[in-house]
Amino acid sequence: MSARSTQARQLGYEVIHELGLHHAEVRWSGQRKTGSFGGWRVEWTNGPSVPGMRTFIERHAARFPAVPIADLSYDRCGTGLAEAIALLLYVDRDRSWVDCIETSLIPSAFDAVDWPERADQVWFERARALLRHTPDASRSTVTAYAVRALARHARVGWGNALAWLDRLVVEHGAVADASNVVDLASRRETYLANRVRQQR
């Protein structure tokens, strides 16, 4: 492995350790032999925005002289939950976006919001409610269906949209509590039935 590759890997570890990210790496993308697009890239999930990551990398550049810091490209990926939080925070911070809520706003919101995973708990709960508001319960991304519903409530006012999300949070909590009660009751019945069988 070349000195550049070794230091790029070390820089990736530094990013994970110092920033507390779950995933980050500095690697070569593309293949020189086939002539496809290539270059050294910083890739990470959630965490700081691109300007924030660039600042961090530049501040640590002296420790990794073999890495072509000036030529690095930056690729930040987001989880569905982080993107949902970012969308809500983005609109909450700048209410001029209230009338423009649509799925195409999500990338801009995510690019603009640093550390969505560090938001207050209320935003986590609202974002989870938005993710769950879909006919397809298996989806882990913000669906067009959910965004349209958010936009519809926001047209009445952003406070109305937040109140709707808070109702969804409460409703989901009630459903979860009810399912836990049923589950505990069924466990108790199973336990008692097993005890009766053992005593025979």
C-alpha atoms as a PDB file:
ATOM      1  CA  MET A   1       0.000   0.000   0.000  1.00  0.00           C
ATOM      2  CA  SER A   2       1.369   3.438  -0.935  1.00  0.00           C
ATOM      3  CA  ALA A   3       2.096   6.183   1.594  1.00  0.00           C
ATOM      4  CA  ARG A   4      -0.822   8.146   0.154  1.00  0.00           C
ATOM      5  CA  SER A   5      -3.262   5.269   0.624  1.00  0.00           C
ATOM      6  CA  THR A   6      -1.979   4.613   4.143  1.00  0.00           C
ATOM      7  CA  GLN A   7      -2.300   8.242   5.183  1.00  0.00           C
ATOM      8  CA  ALA A   8      -5.717   8.544   3.525  1.00  0.00           C
ATOM      9  CA  ARG A   9      -6.911   5.612   5.618  1.00  0.00           C
ATOM     10  CA  GLN A  10      -5.401   7.168   8.745  1.00  0.00           C
ATOM     11  CA  LEU A  11      -7.136  10.453   7.967  1.00  0.00           C
ATOM     12  CA  GLY A  12     -10.433   8.579   7.691  1.00  0.00           C
ATOM     13  CA  TYR A  13      -9.850   7.065  11.140  1.00  0.00           C
ATOM     14  CA  GLU A  14      -9.039  10.536  12.457  1.00  0.00           C
ATOM     15  CA  VAL A  15     -12.338  11.873  11.126  1.00  0.00           C
ATOM     16  CA  ILE A  16     -14.283   9.038  12.792  1.00  0.00           C
ATOM     17  CA  HIS A  17     -12.427   9.379  16.098  1.00  0.00           C
ATOM     18  CA  GLU A  18     -12.367  13.169  16.398  1.00  0.00           C
ATOM     19  CA  LEU A  19     -15.885  13.847  15.110  1.00  0.00           C
ATOM     20  CA  GLY A  20     -17.537  10.764  16.551  1.00  0.00           C
ATOM     21  CA  LEU A  21     -18.992   9.594  13.249  1.00  0.00           C
ATOM     22  CA  HIS A  22     -20.163   6.044  12.591  1.00  0.00           C
ATOM     23  CA  HIS A  23     -18.789   6.042   9.059  1.00  0.00           C
ATOM     24  CA  ALA A  24     -16.124   8.066   7.294  1.00  0.00           C
ATOM     25  CA  GLU A  25     -13.315   7.253   4.904  1.00  0.00           C
ATOM     26  CA  VAL A  26     -10.877   8.908   2.559  1.00  0.00           C
ATOM     27  CA  ARG A  27     -10.403   6.773  -0.528  1.00  0.00           C
ATOM     28  CA  TRP A  28      -9.679   6.694  -4.225  1.00  0.00           C
ATOM     29  CA  SER A  29     -12.804   6.575  -6.379  1.00  0.00           C
ATOM     30  CA  GLY A  30     -12.664   5.331  -9.959  1.00  0.00           C
ATOM     31  CA  GLN A  31     -10.186   3.226 -11.898  1.00  0.00           C
ATOM     32  CA  ARG A  32      -7.151   4.689 -13.578  1.00  0.00           C
ATOM     33  CA  LYS A  33      -6.755   1.739 -15.950  1.00  0.00           C
ATOM     34  CA  THR A  34     -10.176   2.095 -17.558  1.00  0.00           C
ATOM     35  CA  GLY A  35     -10.027   5.871 -17.744  1.00  0.00           C
ATOM     36  CA  SER A  36     -13.197   6.302 -15.685  1.00  0.00           C
ATOM     37  CA  PHE A  37     -13.614   9.377 -13.504  1.00  0.00           C
ATOM     38  CA  GLY A  38     -11.471   9.127 -10.428  1.00  0.00           C
ATOM     39  CA  GLY A  39     -10.070  11.090  -7.553  1.00  0.00           C
ATOM     40  CA  TRP A  40      -9.567  11.094  -3.818  1.00  0.00           C
ATOM     41  CA  ARG A  41     -12.802  11.481  -1.897  1.00  0.00           C
ATOM     42  CA  VAL A  42     -13.910  12.041   1.664  1.00  0.00           C
ATOM     43  CA  GLU A  43     -17.107  10.072   2.289  1.00  0.00           C
ATOM     44  CA  TRP A  44     -19.154  10.151   5.487  1.00  0.00           C
ATOM     45  CA  THR A  45     -22.687   9.721   6.813  1.00  0.00           C
ATOM     46  CA  ASN A  46     -24.668  12.480   8.576  1.00  0.00           C
ATOM     47  CA  GLY A  47     -22.428  14.656  10.756  1.00  0.00           C
ATOM     48  CA  PRO A  48     -21.115  18.023   9.568  1.00  0.00           C
ATOM     49  CA  SER A  49     -22.016  19.636   6.265  1.00  0.00           C
ATOM     50  CA  VAL A  50     -19.460  19.709   3.441  1.00  0.00           C
ATOM     51  CA  PRO A  51     -18.017  23.115   4.483  1.00  0.00           C
ATOM     52  CA  GLY A  52     -17.660  21.863   8.052  1.00  0.00           C
ATOM     53  CA  MET A  53     -15.880  18.687   6.939  1.00  0.00           C
ATOM     54  CA  ARG A  54     -13.617  20.622   4.576  1.00  0.00           C
ATOM     55  CA  THR A  55     -12.592  22.914   7.440  1.00  0.00           C
ATOM     56  CA  PHE A  56     -11.852  19.915   9.662  1.00  0.00           C
ATOM     57  CA  ILE A  57      -9.758  18.194   6.965  1.00  0.00           C
ATOM     58  CA  GLU A  58      -7.775  21.355   6.201  1.00  0.00           C
ATOM     59  CA  ARG A  59      -7.071  21.881   9.902  1.00  0.00           C
ATOM     60  CA  HIS A  60      -5.533  18.375  10.093  1.00  0.00           C
ATOM     61  CA  ALA A  61      -3.806  18.428   6.695  1.00  0.00           C
ATOM     62  CA  ALA A  62      -0.266  18.912   8.035  1.00  0.00           C
ATOM     63  CA  ARG A  63      -0.348  15.494   9.719  1.00  0.00           C
ATOM     64  CA  PHE A  64      -1.089  13.768   6.380  1.00  0.00           C
ATOM     65  CA  PRO A  65       1.266  15.334   3.811  1.00  0.00           C
ATOM     66  CA  ALA A  66       0.849  12.505   1.276  1.00  0.00           C
ATOM     67  CA  VAL A  67      -2.902  13.140   0.932  1.00  0.00           C
ATOM     68  CA  PRO A  68      -3.741  15.686  -1.817  1.00  0.00           C
ATOM     69  CA  ILE A  69      -5.955  17.825   0.440  1.00  0.00           C
ATOM     70  CA  ALA A  70      -6.552  20.537  -2.174  1.00  0.00           C
ATOM     71  CA  ASP A  71      -7.793  17.937  -4.689  1.00  0.00           C
ATOM     72  CA  LEU A  72     -10.176  16.090  -2.370  1.00  0.00           C
ATOM     73  CA  SER A  73     -13.847  15.906  -3.265  1.00  0.00           C
ATOM     74  CA  TYR A  74     -16.484  15.565  -0.562  1.00  0.00           C
ATOM     75  CA  ASP A  75     -19.465  13.208  -0.502  1.00  0.00           C
ATOM     76  CA  ARG A  76     -21.802  13.354   2.479  1.00  0.00           C
ATOM     77  CA  CYS A  77     -24.551  10.742   2.698  1.00  0.00           C
ATOM     78  CA  GLY A  78     -27.555  10.866   4.974  1.00  0.00           C
ATOM     79  CA  THR A  79     -29.799   8.380   6.695  1.00  0.00           C
ATOM     80  CA  GLY A  80     -33.532   8.755   6.197  1.00  0.00           C
ATOM     81  CA  LEU A  81     -33.937   9.965   9.778  1.00  0.00           C
ATOM     82  CA  ALA A  82     -31.193  12.589   9.418  1.00  0.00           C
ATOM     83  CA  GLU A  83     -32.714  13.844   6.165  1.00  0.00           C
ATOM     84  CA  ALA A  84     -36.151  14.106   7.798  1.00  0.00           C
ATOM     85  CA  ILE A  85     -34.705  16.047  10.747  1.00  0.00           C
ATOM     86  CA  ALA A  86     -32.801  18.320   8.364  1.00  0.00           C
ATOM     87  CA  LEU A  87     -35.940  19.073   6.343  1.00  0.00           C
ATOM     88  CA  LEU A  88     -37.884  20.039   9.450  1.00  0.00           C
ATOM     89  CA  LEU A  89     -35.068  22.142  10.912  1.00  0.00           C
ATOM     90  CA  TYR A  90     -34.407  23.854   7.575  1.00  0.00           C
ATOM     91  CA  VAL A  91     -38.005  25.012   7.243  1.00  0.00           C
ATOM     92  CA  ASP A  92     -38.249  25.861  10.941  1.00  0.00           C
ATOM     93  CA  ARG A  93     -35.181  28.117  10.721  1.00  0.00           C
ATOM     94  CA  ASP A  94     -36.322  29.845   7.542  1.00  0.00           C
ATOM     95  CA  ARG A  95     -40.101  30.017   7.274  1.00  0.00           C
ATOM     96  CA  SER A  96     -39.871  31.357   3.713  1.00  0.00           C
ATOM     97  CA  TRP A  97     -39.617  27.669   2.697  1.00  0.00           C
ATOM     98  CA  VAL A  98     -43.024  26.804   4.172  1.00  0.00           C
ATOM     99  CA  ASP A  99     -44.745  27.293   0.808  1.00  0.00           C
ATOM    100  CA  CYS A 100     -42.047  25.311  -1.031  1.00  0.00           C
ATOM    101  CA  ILE A 101     -42.098  22.010   0.859  1.00  0.00           C
ATOM    102  CA  GLU A 102     -41.589  19.145  -1.586  1.00  0.00           C
ATOM    103  CA  THR A 103     -39.238  16.187  -1.912  1.00  0.00           C
ATOM    104  CA  SER A 104     -36.780  18.190  -4.027  1.00  0.00           C
ATOM    105  CA  LEU A 105     -36.154  20.407  -0.989  1.00  0.00           C
ATOM    106  CA  ILE A 106     -34.719  17.512   1.048  1.00  0.00           C
ATOM    107  CA  PRO A 107     -31.194  17.513  -0.511  1.00  0.00           C
ATOM    108  CA  SER A 108     -30.868  21.286  -0.067  1.00  0.00           C
ATOM    109  CA  ALA A 109     -32.049  21.028   3.528  1.00  0.00           C
ATOM    110  CA  PHE A 110     -29.628  18.189   4.291  1.00  0.00           C
ATOM    111  CA  ASP A 111     -26.722  20.056   2.669  1.00  0.00           C
ATOM    112  CA  ALA A 112     -27.452  23.135   4.793  1.00  0.00           C
ATOM    113  CA  VAL A 113     -27.968  21.503   8.204  1.00  0.00           C
ATOM    114  CA  ASP A 114     -24.943  20.442  10.235  1.00  0.00           C
ATOM    115  CA  TRP A 115     -25.242  17.493  12.587  1.00  0.00           C
ATOM    116  CA  PRO A 116     -28.962  16.699  12.265  1.00  0.00           C
ATOM    117  CA  GLU A 117     -28.391  13.759  14.612  1.00  0.00           C
ATOM    118  CA  ARG A 118     -27.571  16.250  17.396  1.00  0.00           C
ATOM    119  CA  ALA A 119     -30.969  17.942  17.210  1.00  0.00           C
ATOM    120  CA  ASP A 120     -33.209  18.112  20.264  1.00  0.00           C
ATOM    121  CA  GLN A 121     -35.297  15.020  20.976  1.00  0.00           C
ATOM    122  CA  VAL A 122     -38.513  16.714  19.857  1.00  0.00           C
ATOM    123  CA  TRP A 123     -37.126  16.928  16.296  1.00  0.00           C
ATOM    124  CA  PHE A 124     -36.149  13.252  16.376  1.00  0.00           C
ATOM    125  CA  GLU A 125     -39.703  12.310  17.351  1.00  0.00           C
ATOM    126  CA  ARG A 126     -41.256  14.549  14.701  1.00  0.00           C
ATOM    127  CA  ALA A 127     -38.892  13.193  12.049  1.00  0.00           C
ATOM    128  CA  ARG A 128     -39.699   9.600  13.012  1.00  0.00           C
ATOM    129  CA  ALA A 129     -43.396  10.438  12.772  1.00  0.00           C
ATOM    130  CA  LEU A 130     -42.821  11.846   9.285  1.00  0.00           C
ATOM    131  CA  LEU A 131     -40.919   8.708   8.244  1.00  0.00           C
ATOM    132  CA  ARG A 132     -43.718   6.488   9.544  1.00  0.00           C
ATOM    133  CA  HIS A 133     -46.414   8.481   7.733  1.00  0.00           C
ATOM    134  CA  THR A 134     -46.448   6.341   4.606  1.00  0.00           C
ATOM    135  CA  PRO A 135     -48.569   3.500   3.221  1.00  0.00           C
ATOM    136  CA  ASP A 136     -45.369   1.443   2.951  1.00  0.00           C
ATOM    137  CA  ALA A 137     -44.252   0.808   6.523  1.00  0.00           C
ATOM    138  CA  SER A 138     -41.002  -0.793   5.353  1.00  0.00           C
ATOM    139  CA  ARG A 139     -39.610   2.473   3.957  1.00  0.00           C
ATOM    140  CA  SER A 140     -36.777   4.141   5.872  1.00  0.00           C
ATOM    141  CA  THR A 141     -36.684   7.308   3.773  1.00  0.00           C
ATOM    142  CA  VAL A 142     -38.954  10.320   3.621  1.00  0.00           C
ATOM    143  CA  THR A 143     -41.607   9.514   1.032  1.00  0.00           C
ATOM    144  CA  ALA A 144     -43.357  11.876  -1.354  1.00  0.00           C
ATOM    145  CA  TYR A 145     -46.590  10.855   0.378  1.00  0.00           C
ATOM    146  CA  ALA A 146     -45.292  12.105   3.745  1.00  0.00           C
ATOM    147  CA  VAL A 147     -43.858  15.313   2.283  1.00  0.00           C
ATOM    148  CA  ARG A 148     -47.166  16.113   0.548  1.00  0.00           C
ATOM    149  CA  ALA A 149     -48.985  15.643   3.857  1.00  0.00           C
ATOM    150  CA  LEU A 150     -46.474  17.900   5.625  1.00  0.00           C
ATOM    151  CA  ALA A 151     -46.866  20.544   2.899  1.00  0.00           C
ATOM    152  CA  ARG A 152     -50.653  20.354   3.135  1.00  0.00           C
ATOM    153  CA  HIS A 153     -50.592  21.035   6.875  1.00  0.00           C
ATOM    154  CA  ALA A 154     -47.901  23.707   6.484  1.00  0.00           C
ATOM    155  CA  ARG A 155     -50.083  25.675   4.063  1.00  0.00           C
ATOM    156  CA  VAL A 156     -52.313  26.487   7.033  1.00  0.00           C
ATOM    157  CA  GLY A 157     -49.208  27.527   8.964  1.00  0.00           C
ATOM    158  CA  TRP A 158     -45.924  25.996  10.080  1.00  0.00           C
ATOM    159  CA  GLY A 159     -47.240  25.758  13.634  1.00  0.00           C
ATOM    160  CA  ASN A 160     -50.110  23.666  12.290  1.00  0.00           C
ATOM    161  CA  ALA A 161     -47.649  21.306  10.578  1.00  0.00           C
ATOM    162  CA  LEU A 162     -45.655  20.864  13.792  1.00  0.00           C
ATOM    163  CA  ALA A 163     -48.852  20.266  15.768  1.00  0.00           C
ATOM    164  CA  TRP A 164     -49.830  17.576  13.224  1.00  0.00           C
ATOM    165  CA  LEU A 165     -46.450  15.874  13.636  1.00  0.00           C
ATOM    166  CA  ASP A 166     -46.775  16.054  17.419  1.00  0.00           C
ATOM    167  CA  ARG A 167     -50.198  14.372  17.171  1.00  0.00           C
ATOM    168  CA  LEU A 168     -48.643  11.607  15.071  1.00  0.00           C
ATOM    169  CA  VAL A 169     -45.956  11.162  17.732  1.00  0.00           C
ATOM    170  CA  VAL A 170     -48.599  10.796  20.451  1.00  0.00           C
ATOM    171  CA  GLU A 171     -50.743   8.465  18.324  1.00  0.00           C
ATOM    172  CA  HIS A 172     -47.789   6.220  17.565  1.00  0.00           C
ATOM    173  CA  GLY A 173     -46.847   6.195  21.254  1.00  0.00           C
ATOM    174  CA  ALA A 174     -50.370   5.130  22.175  1.00  0.00           C
ATOM    175  CA  VAL A 175     -50.313   2.333  19.595  1.00  0.00           C
ATOM    176  CA  ALA A 176     -46.890   1.188  20.813  1.00  0.00           C
ATOM    177  CA  ASP A 177     -48.082   1.227  24.434  1.00  0.00           C
ATOM    178  CA  ALA A 178     -51.177  -0.782  23.511  1.00  0.00           C
ATOM    179  CA  SER A 179     -49.118  -3.374  21.655  1.00  0.00           C
ATOM    180  CA  ASN A 180     -46.792  -3.670  24.656  1.00  0.00           C
ATOM    181  CA  VAL A 181     -49.773  -4.306  26.952  1.00  0.00           C
ATOM    182  CA  VAL A 182     -51.060  -7.023  24.618  1.00  0.00           C
ATOM    183  CA  ASP A 183     -47.598  -8.512  24.386  1.00  0.00           C
ATOM    184  CA  LEU A 184     -47.146  -8.540  28.170  1.00  0.00           C
ATOM    185  CA  ALA A 185     -50.601 -10.050  28.651  1.00  0.00           C
ATOM    186  CA  SER A 186     -49.894 -12.829  26.148  1.00  0.00           C
ATOM    187  CA  ARG A 187     -46.543 -13.531  27.814  1.00  0.00           C
ATOM    188  CA  ARG A 188     -48.268 -13.806  31.192  1.00  0.00           C
ATOM    189  CA  GLU A 189     -50.841 -16.248  29.778  1.00  0.00           C
ATOM    190  CA  THR A 190     -48.069 -18.359  28.247  1.00  0.00           C
ATOM    191  CA  TYR A 191     -46.142 -18.300  31.514  1.00  0.00           C
ATOM    192  CA  LEU A 192     -49.179 -19.400  33.536  1.00  0.00           C
ATOM    193  CA  ALA A 193     -50.050 -22.150  31.040  1.00  0.00           C
ATOM    194  CA  ASN A 194     -46.482 -23.469  31.258  1.00  0.00           C
ATOM    195  CA  ARG A 195     -46.640 -23.429  35.066  1.00  0.00           C
ATOM    196  CA  VAL A 196     -49.885 -25.446  35.027  1.00  0.00           C
ATOM    197  CA  ARG A 197     -48.313 -28.004  32.656  1.00  0.00           C
ATOM    198  CA  GLN A 198     -45.235 -28.309  34.866  1.00  0.00           C
ATOM    199  CA  GLN A 199     -47.354 -28.945  37.972  1.00  0.00           C
ATOM    200  CA  ARG A 200     -49.179 -31.869  36.336  1.00  0.00           C
END
